[in-house]
Amino acid sequence: MIFAPGAKRFIAVTAIALGIFWGVALVSWAPRDWPFDATGSVRLVSNYSGPLGSLLAWVSIELFGAVFAWLAPVWLFFAGVATLTGWLGVSTLWGFRTAVFVVLLNTFFALTPYT
């Protein structure tokens, strides 16, 4: 066993919480929540996850697009649930399949001409 049972439970609950936080940040993302303010002032953001969630959602959407930004939080949530329920082998298998799928999909869209 690599982790103690308490550590495995902690990692699983943390993954679930991060997946939920990231998902809430993506759901409540607004284009006007620009994370880099030139004045350096503290301003109100409309994101339910606060300024950190606004930044996380902005980076995710800018790097992966509005659709593929959802892969990481959904995978974190389901990997945490699978680890918590004892499906650790299933979660590592799905993690590998998800990684291969993302790489192939990014390759497809990188090679597809922009129209």
N, C-alpha and C. Protein backbone atom coordinates (compact mmCIF):
# COMPACT_ATOMS: atom_id res chain seq x y z
N MET A 1 0.85 -1.17 0.00
CA MET A 1 0.00 0.00 0.00
C MET A 1 0.89 1.23 0.00
N ILE A 2 0.62 2.15 -0.90
CA ILE A 2 1.43 3.35 -1.03
C ILE A 2 1.05 4.37 0.03
N PHE A 3 -0.24 4.59 0.23
CA PHE A 3 -0.72 5.60 1.18
C PHE A 3 -1.41 4.93 2.35
N ALA A 4 -1.36 5.56 3.48
CA ALA A 4 -2.16 5.12 4.62
C ALA A 4 -3.62 5.40 4.31
N PRO A 5 -4.55 4.65 4.93
CA PRO A 5 -5.98 4.87 4.62
C PRO A 5 -6.43 6.31 4.87
N GLY A 6 -5.93 6.94 5.92
CA GLY A 6 -6.30 8.32 6.19
C GLY A 6 -5.79 9.28 5.13
N ALA A 7 -4.58 9.02 4.64
CA ALA A 7 -4.01 9.88 3.60
C ALA A 7 -4.77 9.72 2.28
N LYS A 8 -5.15 8.49 1.97
CA LYS A 8 -5.90 8.26 0.74
C LYS A 8 -7.26 8.95 0.81
N ARG A 9 -7.90 8.90 1.95
CA ARG A 9 -9.18 9.57 2.12
C ARG A 9 -9.02 11.09 2.00
N PHE A 10 -7.94 11.62 2.58
CA PHE A 10 -7.68 13.05 2.50
C PHE A 10 -7.45 13.49 1.05
N ILE A 11 -6.67 12.72 0.30
CA ILE A 11 -6.41 13.04 -1.10
C ILE A 11 -7.70 12.97 -1.92
N ALA A 12 -8.53 11.98 -1.64
CA ALA A 12 -9.79 11.83 -2.38
C ALA A 12 -10.74 12.99 -2.10
N VAL A 13 -10.88 13.36 -0.83
CA VAL A 13 -11.78 14.46 -0.48
C VAL A 13 -11.25 15.78 -1.03
N THR A 14 -9.92 15.95 -1.01
CA THR A 14 -9.32 17.16 -1.57
C THR A 14 -9.55 17.23 -3.08
N ALA A 15 -9.42 16.11 -3.78
CA ALA A 15 -9.67 16.09 -5.22
C ALA A 15 -11.13 16.42 -5.53
N ILE A 16 -12.05 15.89 -4.74
CA ILE A 16 -13.47 16.19 -4.93
C ILE A 16 -13.73 17.67 -4.70
N ALA A 17 -13.16 18.22 -3.62
CA ALA A 17 -13.37 19.64 -3.31
C ALA A 17 -12.77 20.53 -4.39
N LEU A 18 -11.58 20.19 -4.88
CA LEU A 18 -10.97 20.99 -5.95
C LEU A 18 -11.78 20.91 -7.24
N GLY A 19 -12.29 19.72 -7.55
CA GLY A 19 -13.14 19.58 -8.74
C GLY A 19 -14.40 20.40 -8.65
N ILE A 20 -15.03 20.42 -7.46
CA ILE A 20 -16.23 21.21 -7.27
C ILE A 20 -15.91 22.71 -7.34
N PHE A 21 -14.82 23.12 -6.69
CA PHE A 21 -14.42 24.53 -6.71
C PHE A 21 -14.14 24.99 -8.14
N TRP A 22 -13.40 24.18 -8.88
CA TRP A 22 -13.07 24.51 -10.26
C TRP A 22 -14.33 24.56 -11.12
N GLY A 23 -15.25 23.61 -10.90
CA GLY A 23 -16.51 23.60 -11.65
C GLY A 23 -17.36 24.82 -11.37
N VAL A 24 -17.44 25.22 -10.10
CA VAL A 24 -18.19 26.43 -9.75
C VAL A 24 -17.54 27.65 -10.39
N ALA A 25 -16.20 27.67 -10.40
CA ALA A 25 -15.49 28.79 -11.03
C ALA A 25 -15.80 28.86 -12.52
N LEU A 26 -15.88 27.72 -13.18
CA LEU A 26 -16.19 27.71 -14.61
C LEU A 26 -17.65 28.06 -14.89
N VAL A 27 -18.55 27.60 -14.02
CA VAL A 27 -19.97 27.91 -14.22
C VAL A 27 -20.22 29.40 -14.10
N SER A 28 -19.57 30.03 -13.14
CA SER A 28 -19.84 31.45 -12.89
C SER A 28 -18.83 32.38 -13.55
N TRP A 29 -18.06 31.87 -14.51
CA TRP A 29 -17.07 32.70 -15.21
C TRP A 29 -17.77 33.76 -16.03
N ALA A 30 -17.26 34.96 -15.98
CA ALA A 30 -17.79 36.07 -16.77
C ALA A 30 -16.62 36.76 -17.46
N PRO A 31 -16.77 37.16 -18.71
CA PRO A 31 -15.66 37.81 -19.42
C PRO A 31 -15.21 39.12 -18.78
N ARG A 32 -16.09 39.78 -18.04
CA ARG A 32 -15.70 41.04 -17.42
C ARG A 32 -14.84 40.84 -16.18
N ASP A 33 -14.69 39.62 -15.72
CA ASP A 33 -13.82 39.32 -14.57
C ASP A 33 -12.38 39.16 -15.04
N TRP A 34 -11.84 40.19 -15.58
CA TRP A 34 -10.45 40.16 -16.04
C TRP A 34 -9.55 40.05 -14.82
N PRO A 35 -8.71 39.02 -14.73
CA PRO A 35 -7.94 38.82 -13.51
C PRO A 35 -6.77 39.78 -13.31
N PHE A 36 -6.33 40.45 -14.37
CA PHE A 36 -5.18 41.33 -14.26
C PHE A 36 -5.65 42.77 -14.40
N ASP A 37 -5.75 43.45 -13.29
CA ASP A 37 -6.20 44.83 -13.29
C ASP A 37 -4.97 45.74 -13.36
N ALA A 38 -4.96 46.65 -14.32
CA ALA A 38 -3.79 47.51 -14.51
C ALA A 38 -3.58 48.47 -13.34
N THR A 39 -4.66 48.83 -12.64
CA THR A 39 -4.53 49.77 -11.53
C THR A 39 -4.09 49.10 -10.25
N GLY A 40 -4.21 47.79 -10.18
CA GLY A 40 -3.82 47.07 -8.97
C GLY A 40 -4.81 47.24 -7.84
N SER A 41 -6.01 47.70 -8.16
CA SER A 41 -7.00 47.92 -7.12
C SER A 41 -7.77 46.64 -6.84
N VAL A 42 -8.29 46.56 -5.64
CA VAL A 42 -9.13 45.43 -5.28
C VAL A 42 -10.53 45.75 -5.81
N ARG A 43 -11.07 44.85 -6.58
CA ARG A 43 -12.37 45.10 -7.17
C ARG A 43 -13.26 43.88 -6.94
N LEU A 44 -14.52 44.08 -7.09
CA LEU A 44 -15.46 42.98 -6.92
C LEU A 44 -15.50 42.14 -8.19
N VAL A 45 -15.55 40.85 -8.00
CA VAL A 45 -15.69 39.95 -9.14
C VAL A 45 -17.05 39.28 -9.05
N SER A 46 -17.60 38.91 -10.17
CA SER A 46 -18.92 38.26 -10.16
C SER A 46 -18.82 36.75 -10.08
N ASN A 47 -17.60 36.21 -10.03
CA ASN A 47 -17.42 34.77 -9.94
C ASN A 47 -17.74 34.31 -8.53
N TYR A 48 -18.50 33.21 -8.43
CA TYR A 48 -18.90 32.69 -7.12
C TYR A 48 -17.71 32.16 -6.33
N SER A 49 -16.62 31.85 -6.98
CA SER A 49 -15.44 31.33 -6.30
C SER A 49 -14.46 32.43 -5.90
N GLY A 50 -14.81 33.67 -6.16
CA GLY A 50 -13.96 34.77 -5.75
C GLY A 50 -12.87 35.06 -6.78
N PRO A 51 -11.89 35.89 -6.39
CA PRO A 51 -10.82 36.25 -7.33
C PRO A 51 -9.98 35.05 -7.76
N LEU A 52 -9.72 34.11 -6.85
CA LEU A 52 -8.95 32.93 -7.22
C LEU A 52 -9.70 32.08 -8.24
N GLY A 53 -11.00 31.90 -8.03
CA GLY A 53 -11.81 31.16 -8.99
C GLY A 53 -11.90 31.86 -10.33
N SER A 54 -11.96 33.18 -10.29
CA SER A 54 -11.99 33.95 -11.53
C SER A 54 -10.70 33.75 -12.32
N LEU A 55 -9.58 33.80 -11.63
CA LEU A 55 -8.29 33.57 -12.29
C LEU A 55 -8.18 32.15 -12.82
N LEU A 56 -8.61 31.17 -12.01
CA LEU A 56 -8.54 29.77 -12.42
C LEU A 56 -9.42 29.52 -13.65
N ALA A 57 -10.62 30.08 -13.65
CA ALA A 57 -11.51 29.90 -14.79
C ALA A 57 -10.96 30.59 -16.03
N TRP A 58 -10.41 31.79 -15.85
CA TRP A 58 -9.86 32.51 -16.99
C TRP A 58 -8.69 31.76 -17.62
N VAL A 59 -7.78 31.26 -16.78
CA VAL A 59 -6.62 30.51 -17.29
C VAL A 59 -7.09 29.23 -17.98
N SER A 60 -8.04 28.53 -17.39
CA SER A 60 -8.55 27.28 -17.98
C SER A 60 -9.19 27.53 -19.34
N ILE A 61 -10.01 28.55 -19.42
CA ILE A 61 -10.70 28.83 -20.68
C ILE A 61 -9.73 29.34 -21.73
N GLU A 62 -8.75 30.13 -21.34
CA GLU A 62 -7.78 30.63 -22.30
C GLU A 62 -6.86 29.51 -22.82
N LEU A 63 -6.50 28.58 -21.95
CA LEU A 63 -5.60 27.50 -22.37
C LEU A 63 -6.31 26.40 -23.15
N PHE A 64 -7.49 26.01 -22.69
CA PHE A 64 -8.15 24.84 -23.26
C PHE A 64 -9.44 25.12 -24.00
N GLY A 65 -9.96 26.32 -23.92
CA GLY A 65 -11.24 26.62 -24.55
C GLY A 65 -12.39 26.36 -23.60
N ALA A 66 -13.57 26.83 -23.98
CA ALA A 66 -14.72 26.76 -23.10
C ALA A 66 -15.21 25.33 -22.87
N VAL A 67 -14.97 24.44 -23.81
CA VAL A 67 -15.44 23.06 -23.66
C VAL A 67 -14.41 22.20 -22.94
N PHE A 68 -13.15 22.26 -23.37
CA PHE A 68 -12.14 21.38 -22.80
C PHE A 68 -11.67 21.83 -21.43
N ALA A 69 -12.02 23.03 -21.01
CA ALA A 69 -11.68 23.47 -19.66
C ALA A 69 -12.40 22.63 -18.61
N TRP A 70 -13.47 21.98 -19.01
CA TRP A 70 -14.25 21.16 -18.07
C TRP A 70 -13.62 19.79 -17.83
N LEU A 71 -12.66 19.37 -18.62
CA LEU A 71 -12.09 18.04 -18.45
C LEU A 71 -11.39 17.86 -17.11
N ALA A 72 -10.60 18.83 -16.72
CA ALA A 72 -9.83 18.70 -15.47
C ALA A 72 -10.72 18.68 -14.24
N PRO A 73 -11.68 19.59 -14.06
CA PRO A 73 -12.51 19.50 -12.85
C PRO A 73 -13.38 18.26 -12.81
N VAL A 74 -13.90 17.85 -13.95
CA VAL A 74 -14.73 16.64 -13.97
C VAL A 74 -13.88 15.42 -13.64
N TRP A 75 -12.67 15.36 -14.22
CA TRP A 75 -11.80 14.23 -13.92
C TRP A 75 -11.37 14.24 -12.45
N LEU A 76 -11.05 15.40 -11.89
CA LEU A 76 -10.70 15.48 -10.47
C LEU A 76 -11.83 14.97 -9.60
N PHE A 77 -13.05 15.40 -9.91
CA PHE A 77 -14.19 14.97 -9.11
C PHE A 77 -14.38 13.45 -9.17
N PHE A 78 -14.40 12.90 -10.37
CA PHE A 78 -14.64 11.46 -10.50
C PHE A 78 -13.47 10.62 -10.01
N ALA A 79 -12.24 11.11 -10.17
CA ALA A 79 -11.09 10.38 -9.62
C ALA A 79 -11.14 10.38 -8.10
N GLY A 80 -11.57 11.49 -7.50
CA GLY A 80 -11.72 11.54 -6.04
C GLY A 80 -12.80 10.60 -5.55
N VAL A 81 -13.94 10.58 -6.26
CA VAL A 81 -15.02 9.67 -5.88
C VAL A 81 -14.58 8.22 -6.05
N ALA A 82 -13.88 7.91 -7.14
CA ALA A 82 -13.42 6.54 -7.38
C ALA A 82 -12.40 6.12 -6.32
N THR A 83 -11.53 7.02 -5.92
CA THR A 83 -10.56 6.71 -4.88
C THR A 83 -11.24 6.54 -3.54
N LEU A 84 -12.22 7.37 -3.24
CA LEU A 84 -12.93 7.30 -1.97
C LEU A 84 -13.75 6.04 -1.85
N THR A 85 -14.32 5.58 -2.95
CA THR A 85 -15.15 4.38 -2.92
C THR A 85 -14.35 3.09 -3.13
N GLY A 86 -13.07 3.21 -3.40
CA GLY A 86 -12.26 2.01 -3.54
C GLY A 86 -12.02 1.57 -4.96
N TRP A 87 -12.39 2.35 -5.92
CA TRP A 87 -12.17 2.01 -7.32
C TRP A 87 -10.87 2.62 -7.81
N LEU A 88 -9.80 2.48 -7.06
CA LEU A 88 -8.54 3.13 -7.39
C LEU A 88 -8.00 2.64 -8.73
N GLY A 89 -8.13 1.35 -9.01
CA GLY A 89 -7.68 0.84 -10.30
C GLY A 89 -8.46 1.43 -11.45
N VAL A 90 -9.75 1.62 -11.25
CA VAL A 90 -10.59 2.22 -12.29
C VAL A 90 -10.21 3.67 -12.50
N SER A 91 -9.92 4.40 -11.42
CA SER A 91 -9.60 5.83 -11.57
C SER A 91 -8.26 6.02 -12.27
N THR A 92 -7.28 5.17 -12.01
CA THR A 92 -6.00 5.32 -12.71
C THR A 92 -6.16 4.94 -14.18
N LEU A 93 -6.97 3.94 -14.48
CA LEU A 93 -7.23 3.57 -15.86
C LEU A 93 -7.94 4.70 -16.59
N TRP A 94 -8.95 5.30 -15.96
CA TRP A 94 -9.65 6.42 -16.58
C TRP A 94 -8.76 7.64 -16.69
N GLY A 95 -7.87 7.83 -15.73
CA GLY A 95 -6.93 8.93 -15.82
C GLY A 95 -6.02 8.80 -17.03
N PHE A 96 -5.54 7.59 -17.28
CA PHE A 96 -4.70 7.33 -18.45
C PHE A 96 -5.49 7.54 -19.73
N ARG A 97 -6.71 7.03 -19.77
CA ARG A 97 -7.54 7.19 -20.97
C ARG A 97 -7.88 8.65 -21.21
N THR A 98 -8.14 9.39 -20.14
CA THR A 98 -8.44 10.81 -20.28
C THR A 98 -7.25 11.56 -20.82
N ALA A 99 -6.06 11.25 -20.32
CA ALA A 99 -4.85 11.93 -20.79
C ALA A 99 -4.61 11.65 -22.28
N VAL A 100 -4.77 10.40 -22.69
CA VAL A 100 -4.60 10.04 -24.11
C VAL A 100 -5.64 10.75 -24.96
N PHE A 101 -6.89 10.79 -24.49
CA PHE A 101 -7.96 11.45 -25.23
C PHE A 101 -7.67 12.94 -25.41
N VAL A 102 -7.22 13.61 -24.34
CA VAL A 102 -6.94 15.04 -24.42
C VAL A 102 -5.79 15.32 -25.38
N VAL A 103 -4.75 14.50 -25.33
CA VAL A 103 -3.61 14.70 -26.23
C VAL A 103 -4.05 14.51 -27.69
N LEU A 104 -4.81 13.46 -27.96
CA LEU A 104 -5.27 13.22 -29.33
C LEU A 104 -6.22 14.31 -29.81
N LEU A 105 -7.10 14.77 -28.93
CA LEU A 105 -8.03 15.81 -29.31
C LEU A 105 -7.32 17.14 -29.56
N ASN A 106 -6.34 17.47 -28.73
CA ASN A 106 -5.57 18.69 -28.96
C ASN A 106 -4.77 18.58 -30.25
N THR A 107 -4.25 17.41 -30.55
CA THR A 107 -3.53 17.21 -31.80
C THR A 107 -4.46 17.40 -32.99
N PHE A 108 -5.67 16.86 -32.89
CA PHE A 108 -6.65 17.01 -33.97
C PHE A 108 -6.95 18.48 -34.23
N PHE A 109 -7.22 19.24 -33.16
CA PHE A 109 -7.57 20.63 -33.35
C PHE A 109 -6.38 21.48 -33.73
N ALA A 110 -5.16 21.03 -33.40
CA ALA A 110 -3.98 21.77 -33.82
C ALA A 110 -3.73 21.56 -35.31
N LEU A 111 -4.09 20.42 -35.83
CA LEU A 111 -3.86 20.12 -37.24
C LEU A 111 -5.02 20.55 -38.14
N THR A 112 -6.18 20.79 -37.56
CA THR A 112 -7.34 21.19 -38.34
C THR A 112 -7.19 22.67 -38.72
N PRO A 113 -7.34 22.99 -40.01
CA PRO A 113 -7.20 24.40 -40.40
C PRO A 113 -8.31 25.25 -39.83
N TYR A 114 -7.95 26.45 -39.44
CA TYR A 114 -8.90 27.40 -38.89
C TYR A 114 -9.76 27.97 -40.01
N THR A 115 -11.08 27.89 -39.87
CA THR A 115 -11.97 28.39 -40.92
C THR A 115 -12.73 29.60 -40.48
